[in-house]
């Protein structure tokens, strides 16, 4: 997936092998990535409301930190966070944060 395929202020789901990753293009231009599925009830995080620090699941309003993947609404769950790099051809690569 190329950077320009993600509108500013939105997210898109990217398949990485058998894993679905939600990649977000923030209004600042920064890219962030989290696991694409909310662990609460399987909501699509790429479709969630987004600001510079969190994404809010569109199904039930749980929010996740875009850097760490930690839940910021109830604090009892987390999703995998990914580092995002862009190559010279504007192709996005994501790698789990360890």
PDB file of N, CA and C in Angstrom:
ATOM      1  N   UNK A   1       0.847  -1.176   0.000  1.00  0.00           N
ATOM      2  CA  UNK A   1       0.000   0.000   0.000  1.00  0.00           C
ATOM      3  C   UNK A   1       0.888   1.233   0.000  1.00  0.00           C
ATOM      4  N   UNK A   2       0.492   2.236  -0.767  1.00  0.00           N
ATOM      5  CA  UNK A   2       1.236   3.488  -0.814  1.00  0.00           C
ATOM      6  C   UNK A   2       0.588   4.514   0.112  1.00  0.00           C
ATOM      7  N   UNK A   3       1.391   5.449   0.581  1.00  0.00           N
ATOM      8  CA  UNK A   3       0.928   6.479   1.510  1.00  0.00           C
ATOM      9  C   UNK A   3      -0.292   7.208   0.955  1.00  0.00           C
ATOM     10  N   UNK A   4      -0.269   7.568  -0.329  1.00  0.00           N
ATOM     11  CA  UNK A   4      -1.367   8.338  -0.920  1.00  0.00           C
ATOM     12  C   UNK A   4      -2.690   7.582  -0.982  1.00  0.00           C
ATOM     13  N   UNK A   5      -2.678   6.282  -0.724  1.00  0.00           N
ATOM     14  CA  UNK A   5      -3.915   5.501  -0.708  1.00  0.00           C
ATOM     15  C   UNK A   5      -4.691   5.691   0.595  1.00  0.00           C
ATOM     16  N   UNK A   6      -4.074   6.360   1.550  1.00  0.00           N
ATOM     17  CA  UNK A   6      -4.732   6.626   2.831  1.00  0.00           C
ATOM     18  C   UNK A   6      -4.996   8.129   2.921  1.00  0.00           C
ATOM     19  N   UNK A   7      -6.255   8.549   2.869  1.00  0.00           N
ATOM     20  CA  UNK A   7      -6.544   9.976   3.000  1.00  0.00           C
ATOM     21  C   UNK A   7      -6.096  10.503   4.364  1.00  0.00           C
ATOM     22  N   UNK A   8      -5.672  11.751   4.390  1.00  0.00           N
ATOM     23  CA  UNK A   8      -5.267  12.390   5.646  1.00  0.00           C
ATOM     24  C   UNK A   8      -6.450  12.349   6.620  1.00  0.00           C
ATOM     25  N   UNK A   9      -6.153  11.934   7.864  1.00  0.00           N
ATOM     26  CA  UNK A   9      -7.183  11.859   8.905  1.00  0.00           C
ATOM     27  C   UNK A   9      -7.998  10.581   8.892  1.00  0.00           C
ATOM     28  N   UNK A  10      -7.552   9.579   8.118  1.00  0.00           N
ATOM     29  CA  UNK A  10      -8.281   8.317   8.030  1.00  0.00           C
ATOM     30  C   UNK A  10      -7.349   7.129   8.186  1.00  0.00           C
ATOM     31  N   UNK A  11      -7.950   5.946   8.232  1.00  0.00           N
ATOM     32  CA  UNK A  11      -7.200   4.704   8.311  1.00  0.00           C
ATOM     33  C   UNK A  11      -7.617   3.750   7.214  1.00  0.00           C
ATOM     34  N   UNK A  12      -6.755   2.798   6.906  1.00  0.00           N
ATOM     35  CA  UNK A  12      -7.041   1.746   5.942  1.00  0.00           C
ATOM     36  C   UNK A  12      -6.451   0.453   6.480  1.00  0.00           C
ATOM     37  N   UNK A  13      -7.077  -0.659   6.115  1.00  0.00           N
ATOM     38  CA  UNK A  13      -6.584  -1.961   6.547  1.00  0.00           C
ATOM     39  C   UNK A  13      -5.613  -2.515   5.518  1.00  0.00           C
ATOM     40  N   UNK A  14      -4.497  -3.015   6.016  1.00  0.00           N
ATOM     41  CA  UNK A  14      -3.425  -3.577   5.200  1.00  0.00           C
ATOM     42  C   UNK A  14      -3.216  -5.018   5.647  1.00  0.00           C
ATOM     43  N   UNK A  15      -3.151  -5.932   4.698  1.00  0.00           N
ATOM     44  CA  UNK A  15      -2.866  -7.329   5.024  1.00  0.00           C
ATOM     45  C   UNK A  15      -1.363  -7.529   5.077  1.00  0.00           C
ATOM     46  N   UNK A  16      -0.897  -8.094   6.186  1.00  0.00           N
ATOM     47  CA  UNK A  16       0.516  -8.428   6.361  1.00  0.00           C
ATOM     48  C   UNK A  16       0.556  -9.928   6.647  1.00  0.00           C
ATOM     49  N   UNK A  17       0.749 -10.707   5.596  1.00  0.00           N
ATOM     50  CA  UNK A  17       0.628 -12.154   5.742  1.00  0.00           C
ATOM     51  C   UNK A  17      -0.810 -12.487   6.101  1.00  0.00           C
ATOM     52  N   UNK A  18      -0.997 -13.194   7.210  1.00  0.00           N
ATOM     53  CA  UNK A  18      -2.340 -13.538   7.684  1.00  0.00           C
ATOM     54  C   UNK A  18      -2.896 -12.529   8.678  1.00  0.00           C
ATOM     55  N   UNK A  19      -2.178 -11.439   8.892  1.00  0.00           N
ATOM     56  CA  UNK A  19      -2.556 -10.448   9.897  1.00  0.00           C
ATOM     57  C   UNK A  19      -3.123  -9.196   9.237  1.00  0.00           C
ATOM     58  N   UNK A  20      -4.190  -8.669   9.814  1.00  0.00           N
ATOM     59  CA  UNK A  20      -4.778  -7.414   9.348  1.00  0.00           C
ATOM     60  C   UNK A  20      -4.268  -6.286  10.237  1.00  0.00           C
ATOM     61  N   UNK A  21      -3.741  -5.229   9.607  1.00  0.00           N
ATOM     62  CA  UNK A  21      -3.184  -4.088  10.327  1.00  0.00           C
ATOM     63  C   UNK A  21      -3.905  -2.823   9.855  1.00  0.00           C
ATOM     64  N   UNK A  22      -4.326  -1.993  10.802  1.00  0.00           N
ATOM     65  CA  UNK A  22      -4.937  -0.701  10.478  1.00  0.00           C
ATOM     66  C   UNK A  22      -3.834   0.347  10.443  1.00  0.00           C
ATOM     67  N   UNK A  23      -3.672   0.998   9.292  1.00  0.00           N
ATOM     68  CA  UNK A  23      -2.660   2.036   9.128  1.00  0.00           C
ATOM     69  C   UNK A  23      -3.384   3.376   9.055  1.00  0.00           C
ATOM     70  N   UNK A  24      -2.945   4.321   9.873  1.00  0.00           N
ATOM     71  CA  UNK A  24      -3.593   5.628   9.976  1.00  0.00           C
ATOM     72  C   UNK A  24      -2.655   6.721   9.481  1.00  0.00           C
ATOM     73  N   UNK A  25      -3.211   7.643   8.720  1.00  0.00           N
ATOM     74  CA  UNK A  25      -2.456   8.820   8.271  1.00  0.00           C
ATOM     75  C   UNK A  25      -3.018  10.024   9.018  1.00  0.00           C
ATOM     76  N   UNK A  26      -2.266  10.487   9.982  1.00  0.00           N
ATOM     77  CA  UNK A  26      -2.726  11.568  10.850  1.00  0.00           C
ATOM     78  C   UNK A  26      -2.739  12.898  10.106  1.00  0.00           C
ATOM     79  N   UNK A  27      -3.465  13.848  10.656  1.00  0.00           N
ATOM     80  CA  UNK A  27      -3.541  15.177  10.041  1.00  0.00           C
ATOM     81  C   UNK A  27      -2.165  15.851   9.972  1.00  0.00           C
ATOM     82  N   UNK A  28      -1.287  15.453  10.878  1.00  0.00           N
ATOM     83  CA  UNK A  28       0.080  15.982  10.874  1.00  0.00           C
ATOM     84  C   UNK A  28       0.920  15.377   9.750  1.00  0.00           C
ATOM     85  N   UNK A  29       0.396  14.318   9.124  1.00  0.00           N
ATOM     86  CA  UNK A  29       1.142  13.598   8.098  1.00  0.00           C
ATOM     87  C   UNK A  29       1.826  12.352   8.616  1.00  0.00           C
ATOM     88  N   UNK A  30       1.912  12.215   9.944  1.00  0.00           N
ATOM     89  CA  UNK A  30       2.535  11.029  10.539  1.00  0.00           C
ATOM     90  C   UNK A  30       1.694   9.788  10.252  1.00  0.00           C
ATOM     91  N   UNK A  31       2.347   8.640  10.221  1.00  0.00           N
ATOM     92  CA  UNK A  31       1.670   7.362  10.042  1.00  0.00           C
ATOM     93  C   UNK A  31       1.769   6.560  11.327  1.00  0.00           C
ATOM     94  N   UNK A  32       0.692   5.894  11.691  1.00  0.00           N
ATOM     95  CA  UNK A  32       0.649   5.015  12.853  1.00  0.00           C
ATOM     96  C   UNK A  32      -0.051   3.735  12.429  1.00  0.00           C
ATOM     97  N   UNK A  33       0.198   2.636  13.147  1.00  0.00           N
ATOM     98  CA  UNK A  33      -0.441   1.367  12.799  1.00  0.00           C
ATOM     99  C   UNK A  33      -0.716   0.544  14.052  1.00  0.00           C
ATOM    100  N   UNK A  34      -1.885  -0.076  14.056  1.00  0.00           N
ATOM    101  CA  UNK A  34      -2.322  -0.960  15.139  1.00  0.00           C
ATOM    102  C   UNK A  34      -2.960  -2.204  14.527  1.00  0.00           C
ATOM    103  N   UNK A  35      -3.127  -3.236  15.343  1.00  0.00           N
ATOM    104  CA  UNK A  35      -3.917  -4.382  14.904  1.00  0.00           C
ATOM    105  C   UNK A  35      -5.270  -3.849  14.433  1.00  0.00           C
ATOM    106  N   UNK A  36      -5.817  -4.431  13.368  1.00  0.00           N
ATOM    107  CA  UNK A  36      -7.009  -3.875  12.726  1.00  0.00           C
ATOM    108  C   UNK A  36      -8.320  -4.194  13.432  1.00  0.00           C
ATOM    109  N   UNK A  37      -8.300  -5.140  14.374  1.00  0.00           N
ATOM    110  CA  UNK A  37      -9.545  -5.588  14.989  1.00  0.00           C
ATOM    111  C   UNK A  37      -9.562  -5.256  16.478  1.00  0.00           C
ATOM    112  N   UNK A  38     -10.618  -4.584  16.909  1.00  0.00           N
ATOM    113  CA  UNK A  38     -10.804  -4.280  18.328  1.00  0.00           C
ATOM    114  C   UNK A  38     -11.052  -5.590  19.079  1.00  0.00           C
ATOM    115  N   UNK A  39     -10.322  -5.848  20.168  1.00  0.00           N
ATOM    116  CA  UNK A  39     -10.507  -7.104  20.903  1.00  0.00           C
ATOM    117  C   UNK A  39     -11.838  -7.181  21.656  1.00  0.00           C
ATOM    118  N   UNK A  40     -12.528  -6.063  21.807  1.00  0.00           N
ATOM    119  CA  UNK A  40     -13.791  -6.047  22.539  1.00  0.00           C
ATOM    120  C   UNK A  40     -14.847  -6.856  21.804  1.00  0.00           C
ATOM    121  N   UNK A  41     -15.234  -6.427  20.604  1.00  0.00           N
ATOM    122  CA  UNK A  41     -16.227  -7.166  19.825  1.00  0.00           C
ATOM    123  C   UNK A  41     -15.885  -7.217  18.343  1.00  0.00           C
ATOM    124  N   UNK A  42     -14.618  -7.096  18.025  1.00  0.00           N
ATOM    125  CA  UNK A  42     -14.191  -7.257  16.645  1.00  0.00           C
ATOM    126  C   UNK A  42     -14.429  -6.071  15.734  1.00  0.00           C
ATOM    127  N   UNK A  43     -14.570  -4.883  16.286  1.00  0.00           N
ATOM    128  CA  UNK A  43     -14.789  -3.691  15.469  1.00  0.00           C
ATOM    129  C   UNK A  43     -13.604  -3.378  14.577  1.00  0.00           C
ATOM    130  N   UNK A  44     -13.864  -2.803  13.395  1.00  0.00           N
ATOM    131  CA  UNK A  44     -12.793  -2.457  12.459  1.00  0.00           C
ATOM    132  C   UNK A  44     -12.132  -1.133  12.850  1.00  0.00           C
ATOM    133  N   UNK A  45     -10.978  -1.188  13.459  1.00  0.00           N
ATOM    134  CA  UNK A  45     -10.336   0.033  13.951  1.00  0.00           C
ATOM    135  C   UNK A  45      -9.986   1.018  12.842  1.00  0.00           C
ATOM    136  N   UNK A  46      -9.721   0.550  11.626  1.00  0.00           N
ATOM    137  CA  UNK A  46      -9.405   1.466  10.526  1.00  0.00           C
ATOM    138  C   UNK A  46     -10.573   2.407  10.223  1.00  0.00           C
ATOM    139  N   UNK A  47     -11.782   2.017  10.612  1.00  0.00           N
ATOM    140  CA  UNK A  47     -12.975   2.844  10.387  1.00  0.00           C
ATOM    141  C   UNK A  47     -13.293   3.743  11.573  1.00  0.00           C
ATOM    142  N   UNK A  48     -12.456   3.708  12.608  1.00  0.00           N
ATOM    143  CA  UNK A  48     -12.732   4.468  13.826  1.00  0.00           C
ATOM    144  C   UNK A  48     -12.440   5.947  13.692  1.00  0.00           C
ATOM    145  N   UNK A  49     -12.930   6.701  14.686  1.00  0.00           N
ATOM    146  CA  UNK A  49     -12.636   8.128  14.769  1.00  0.00           C
ATOM    147  C   UNK A  49     -11.197   8.294  15.220  1.00  0.00           C
ATOM    148  N   UNK A  50     -10.523   9.268  14.657  1.00  0.00           N
ATOM    149  CA  UNK A  50      -9.082   9.399  14.820  1.00  0.00           C
ATOM    150  C   UNK A  50      -8.713  10.808  15.222  1.00  0.00           C
ATOM    151  N   UNK A  51      -7.769  10.915  16.157  1.00  0.00           N
ATOM    152  CA  UNK A  51      -7.120  12.203  16.388  1.00  0.00           C
ATOM    153  C   UNK A  51      -5.613  11.943  16.389  1.00  0.00           C
ATOM    154  N   UNK A  52      -4.833  12.834  16.900  1.00  0.00           N
ATOM    155  CA  UNK A  52      -3.375  12.672  16.833  1.00  0.00           C
ATOM    156  C   UNK A  52      -2.838  11.636  17.822  1.00  0.00           C
ATOM    157  N   UNK A  53      -3.649  11.201  18.795  1.00  0.00           N
ATOM    158  CA  UNK A  53      -3.128  10.287  19.809  1.00  0.00           C
ATOM    159  C   UNK A  53      -3.895   8.983  19.953  1.00  0.00           C
ATOM    160  N   UNK A  54      -5.169   8.952  19.594  1.00  0.00           N
ATOM    161  CA  UNK A  54      -5.975   7.743  19.768  1.00  0.00           C
ATOM    162  C   UNK A  54      -6.880   7.497  18.569  1.00  0.00           C
ATOM    163  N   UNK A  55      -7.331   6.233  18.475  1.00  0.00           N
ATOM    164  CA  UNK A  55      -8.405   5.868  17.560  1.00  0.00           C
ATOM    165  C   UNK A  55      -9.518   5.293  18.419  1.00  0.00           C
ATOM    166  N   UNK A  56     -10.768   5.628  18.066  1.00  0.00           N
ATOM    167  CA  UNK A  56     -11.939   5.170  18.808  1.00  0.00           C
ATOM    168  C   UNK A  56     -12.659   4.132  17.955  1.00  0.00           C
ATOM    169  N   UNK A  57     -12.862   2.949  18.515  1.00  0.00           N
ATOM    170  CA  UNK A  57     -13.551   1.872  17.805  1.00  0.00           C
ATOM    171  C   UNK A  57     -14.958   2.336  17.412  1.00  0.00           C
ATOM    172  N   UNK A  58     -15.354   2.102  16.157  1.00  0.00           N
ATOM    173  CA  UNK A  58     -16.666   2.561  15.712  1.00  0.00           C
ATOM    174  C   UNK A  58     -17.835   1.772  16.288  1.00  0.00           C
ATOM    175  N   UNK A  59     -17.600   0.614  16.888  1.00  0.00           N
ATOM    176  CA  UNK A  59     -18.709  -0.177  17.413  1.00  0.00           C
ATOM    177  C   UNK A  59     -19.136   0.226  18.818  1.00  0.00           C
ATOM    178  N   UNK A  60     -18.182   0.334  19.730  1.00  0.00           N
ATOM    179  CA  UNK A  60     -18.564   0.587  21.121  1.00  0.00           C
ATOM    180  C   UNK A  60     -17.731   1.640  21.826  1.00  0.00           C
ATOM    181  N   UNK A  61     -16.956   2.403  21.085  1.00  0.00           N
ATOM    182  CA  UNK A  61     -16.282   3.561  21.649  1.00  0.00           C
ATOM    183  C   UNK A  61     -15.030   3.309  22.462  1.00  0.00           C
ATOM    184  N   UNK A  62     -14.503   2.108  22.441  1.00  0.00           N
ATOM    185  CA  UNK A  62     -13.226   1.904  23.143  1.00  0.00           C
ATOM    186  C   UNK A  62     -12.120   2.592  22.365  1.00  0.00           C
ATOM    187  N   UNK A  63     -11.192   3.201  23.070  1.00  0.00           N
ATOM    188  CA  UNK A  63     -10.134   3.947  22.386  1.00  0.00           C
ATOM    189  C   UNK A  63      -8.771   3.335  22.685  1.00  0.00           C
ATOM    190  N   UNK A  64      -7.867   3.462  21.678  1.00  0.00           N
ATOM    191  CA  UNK A  64      -6.549   2.857  21.757  1.00  0.00           C
ATOM    192  C   UNK A  64      -5.483   3.880  21.394  1.00  0.00           C
ATOM    193  N   UNK A  65      -4.425   3.905  22.179  1.00  0.00           N
ATOM    194  CA  UNK A  65      -3.292   4.790  21.937  1.00  0.00           C
ATOM    195  C   UNK A  65      -2.620   4.382  20.632  1.00  0.00           C
ATOM    196  N   UNK A  66      -2.381   5.342  19.751  1.00  0.00           N
ATOM    197  CA  UNK A  66      -1.816   5.054  18.437  1.00  0.00           C
ATOM    198  C   UNK A  66      -0.334   4.702  18.463  1.00  0.00           C
ATOM    199  N   UNK A  67       0.351   4.952  19.555  1.00  0.00           N
ATOM    200  CA  UNK A  67       1.772   4.616  19.657  1.00  0.00           C
ATOM    201  C   UNK A  67       1.973   3.275  20.350  1.00  0.00           C
ATOM    202  N   UNK A  68       1.263   3.054  21.454  1.00  0.00           N
ATOM    203  CA  UNK A  68       1.491   1.852  22.255  1.00  0.00           C
ATOM    204  C   UNK A  68       0.471   0.745  22.038  1.00  0.00           C
ATOM    205  N   UNK A  69      -0.732   1.088  21.550  1.00  0.00           N
ATOM    206  CA  UNK A  69      -1.810   0.123  21.414  1.00  0.00           C
ATOM    207  C   UNK A  69      -2.611  -0.063  22.691  1.00  0.00           C
ATOM    208  N   UNK A  70      -2.203   0.586  23.789  1.00  0.00           N
ATOM    209  CA  UNK A  70      -2.913   0.452  25.067  1.00  0.00           C
ATOM    210  C   UNK A  70      -4.305   1.066  24.973  1.00  0.00           C
ATOM    211  N   UNK A  71      -5.264   0.428  25.627  1.00  0.00           N
ATOM    212  CA  UNK A  71      -6.611   0.982  25.674  1.00  0.00           C
ATOM    213  C   UNK A  71      -6.611   2.198  26.596  1.00  0.00           C
ATOM    214  N   UNK A  72      -7.188   3.281  26.149  1.00  0.00           N
ATOM    215  CA  UNK A  72      -7.216   4.503  26.947  1.00  0.00           C
ATOM    216  C   UNK A  72      -8.582   4.770  27.554  1.00  0.00           C
ATOM    217  N   UNK A  73      -9.604   4.010  27.173  1.00  0.00           N
ATOM    218  CA  UNK A  73     -10.951   4.248  27.688  1.00  0.00           C
ATOM    219  C   UNK A  73     -11.218   3.473  28.974  1.00  0.00           C
ATOM    220  N   UNK A  74     -10.916   2.192  29.004  1.00  0.00           N
ATOM    221  CA  UNK A  74     -11.127   1.373  30.197  1.00  0.00           C
ATOM    222  C   UNK A  74      -9.814   0.830  30.757  1.00  0.00           C
ATOM    223  N   UNK A  75      -8.806   0.760  29.913  1.00  0.00           N
ATOM    224  CA  UNK A  75      -7.481   0.364  30.357  1.00  0.00           C
ATOM    225  C   UNK A  75      -7.243  -1.108  30.573  1.00  0.00           C
ATOM    226  N   UNK A  76      -8.193  -1.978  30.171  1.00  0.00           N
ATOM    227  CA  UNK A  76      -8.014  -3.392  30.485  1.00  0.00           C
ATOM    228  C   UNK A  76      -7.573  -4.259  29.304  1.00  0.00           C
ATOM    229  N   UNK A  77      -7.448  -3.689  28.104  1.00  0.00           N
ATOM    230  CA  UNK A  77      -6.994  -4.472  26.957  1.00  0.00           C
ATOM    231  C   UNK A  77      -6.014  -3.627  26.136  1.00  0.00           C
ATOM    232  N   UNK A  78      -5.417  -4.259  25.175  1.00  0.00           N
ATOM    233  CA  UNK A  78      -4.515  -3.551  24.271  1.00  0.00           C
ATOM    234  C   UNK A  78      -4.551  -4.256  22.923  1.00  0.00           C
ATOM    235  N   UNK A  79      -4.092  -3.555  21.900  1.00  0.00           N
ATOM    236  CA  UNK A  79      -3.906  -4.151  20.586  1.00  0.00           C
ATOM    237  C   UNK A  79      -2.435  -4.007  20.226  1.00  0.00           C
ATOM    238  N   UNK A  80      -1.978  -4.843  19.314  1.00  0.00           N
ATOM    239  CA  UNK A  80      -0.582  -4.776  18.884  1.00  0.00           C
ATOM    240  C   UNK A  80      -0.324  -3.455  18.168  1.00  0.00           C
ATOM    241  N   UNK A  81       0.764  -2.806  18.520  1.00  0.00           N
ATOM    242  CA  UNK A  81       1.196  -1.585  17.838  1.00  0.00           C
ATOM    243  C   UNK A  81       2.311  -1.955  16.858  1.00  0.00           C
ATOM    244  N   UNK A  82       2.381  -1.222  15.760  1.00  0.00           N
ATOM    245  CA  UNK A  82       3.364  -1.467  14.714  1.00  0.00           C
ATOM    246  C   UNK A  82       4.146  -0.197  14.427  1.00  0.00           C
ATOM    247  N   UNK A  83       5.437  -0.363  14.104  1.00  0.00           N
ATOM    248  CA  UNK A  83       6.191   0.779  13.595  1.00  0.00           C
ATOM    249  C   UNK A  83       5.937   0.835  12.096  1.00  0.00           C
ATOM    250  N   UNK A  84       5.928   2.042  11.558  1.00  0.00           N
ATOM    251  CA  UNK A  84       5.620   2.245  10.144  1.00  0.00           C
ATOM    252  C   UNK A  84       6.798   2.938   9.475  1.00  0.00           C
ATOM    253  N   UNK A  85       7.233   2.393   8.351  1.00  0.00           N
ATOM    254  CA  UNK A  85       8.248   3.054   7.540  1.00  0.00           C
ATOM    255  C   UNK A  85       7.722   3.185   6.121  1.00  0.00           C
ATOM    256  N   UNK A  86       8.283   4.151   5.410  1.00  0.00           N
ATOM    257  CA  UNK A  86       7.901   4.400   4.021  1.00  0.00           C
ATOM    258  C   UNK A  86       9.180   4.400   3.191  1.00  0.00           C
ATOM    259  N   UNK A  87       9.184   3.620   2.098  1.00  0.00           N
ATOM    260  CA  UNK A  87      10.383   3.562   1.263  1.00  0.00           C
ATOM    261  C   UNK A  87      10.392   4.678   0.217  1.00  0.00           C
ATOM    262  N   UNK A  88      11.384   4.687  -0.638  1.00  0.00           N
ATOM    263  CA  UNK A  88      11.552   5.741  -1.643  1.00  0.00           C
ATOM    264  C   UNK A  88      10.404   5.786  -2.653  1.00  0.00           C
ATOM    265  N   UNK A  89       9.659   4.690  -2.771  1.00  0.00           N
ATOM    266  CA  UNK A  89       8.510   4.628  -3.688  1.00  0.00           C
ATOM    267  C   UNK A  89       7.189   4.891  -2.982  1.00  0.00           C
ATOM    268  N   UNK A  90       7.243   5.395  -1.738  1.00  0.00           N
ATOM    269  CA  UNK A  90       6.068   5.675  -0.908  1.00  0.00           C
ATOM    270  C   UNK A  90       5.295   4.423  -0.502  1.00  0.00           C
ATOM    271  N   UNK A  91       5.933   3.247  -0.561  1.00  0.00           N
ATOM    272  CA  UNK A  91       5.316   2.011  -0.100  1.00  0.00           C
ATOM    273  C   UNK A  91       5.454   1.920   1.421  1.00  0.00           C
ATOM    274  N   UNK A  92       4.378   1.513   2.079  1.00  0.00           N
ATOM    275  CA  UNK A  92       4.335   1.395   3.535  1.00  0.00           C
ATOM    276  C   UNK A  92       4.772  -0.002   3.965  1.00  0.00           C
ATOM    277  N   UNK A  93       5.611  -0.059   4.994  1.00  0.00           N
ATOM    278  CA  UNK A  93       6.001  -1.311   5.630  1.00  0.00           C
ATOM    279  C   UNK A  93       5.694  -1.175   7.117  1.00  0.00           C
ATOM    280  N   UNK A  94       5.098  -2.228   7.705  1.00  0.00           N
ATOM    281  CA  UNK A  94       4.819  -2.216   9.136  1.00  0.00           C
ATOM    282  C   UNK A  94       5.500  -3.399   9.803  1.00  0.00           C
ATOM    283  N   UNK A  95       5.987  -3.173  11.026  1.00  0.00           N
ATOM    284  CA  UNK A  95       6.650  -4.206  11.806  1.00  0.00           C
ATOM    285  C   UNK A  95       6.142  -4.086  13.231  1.00  0.00           C
ATOM    286  N   UNK A  96       5.761  -5.213  13.861  1.00  0.00           N
ATOM    287  CA  UNK A  96       5.282  -5.132  15.241  1.00  0.00           C
ATOM    288  C   UNK A  96       6.302  -4.475  16.163  1.00  0.00           C
ATOM    289  N   UNK A  97       5.822  -3.638  17.075  1.00  0.00           N
ATOM    290  CA  UNK A  97       6.682  -3.049  18.098  1.00  0.00           C
ATOM    291  C   UNK A  97       6.879  -4.088  19.171  1.00  0.00           C
ATOM    292  N   UNK A  98       8.135  -4.333  19.545  1.00  0.00           N
ATOM    293  CA  UNK A  98       8.387  -5.362  20.561  1.00  0.00           C
ATOM    294  C   UNK A  98       8.681  -4.748  21.898  1.00  0.00           C
TER     295      UNK A  98
END
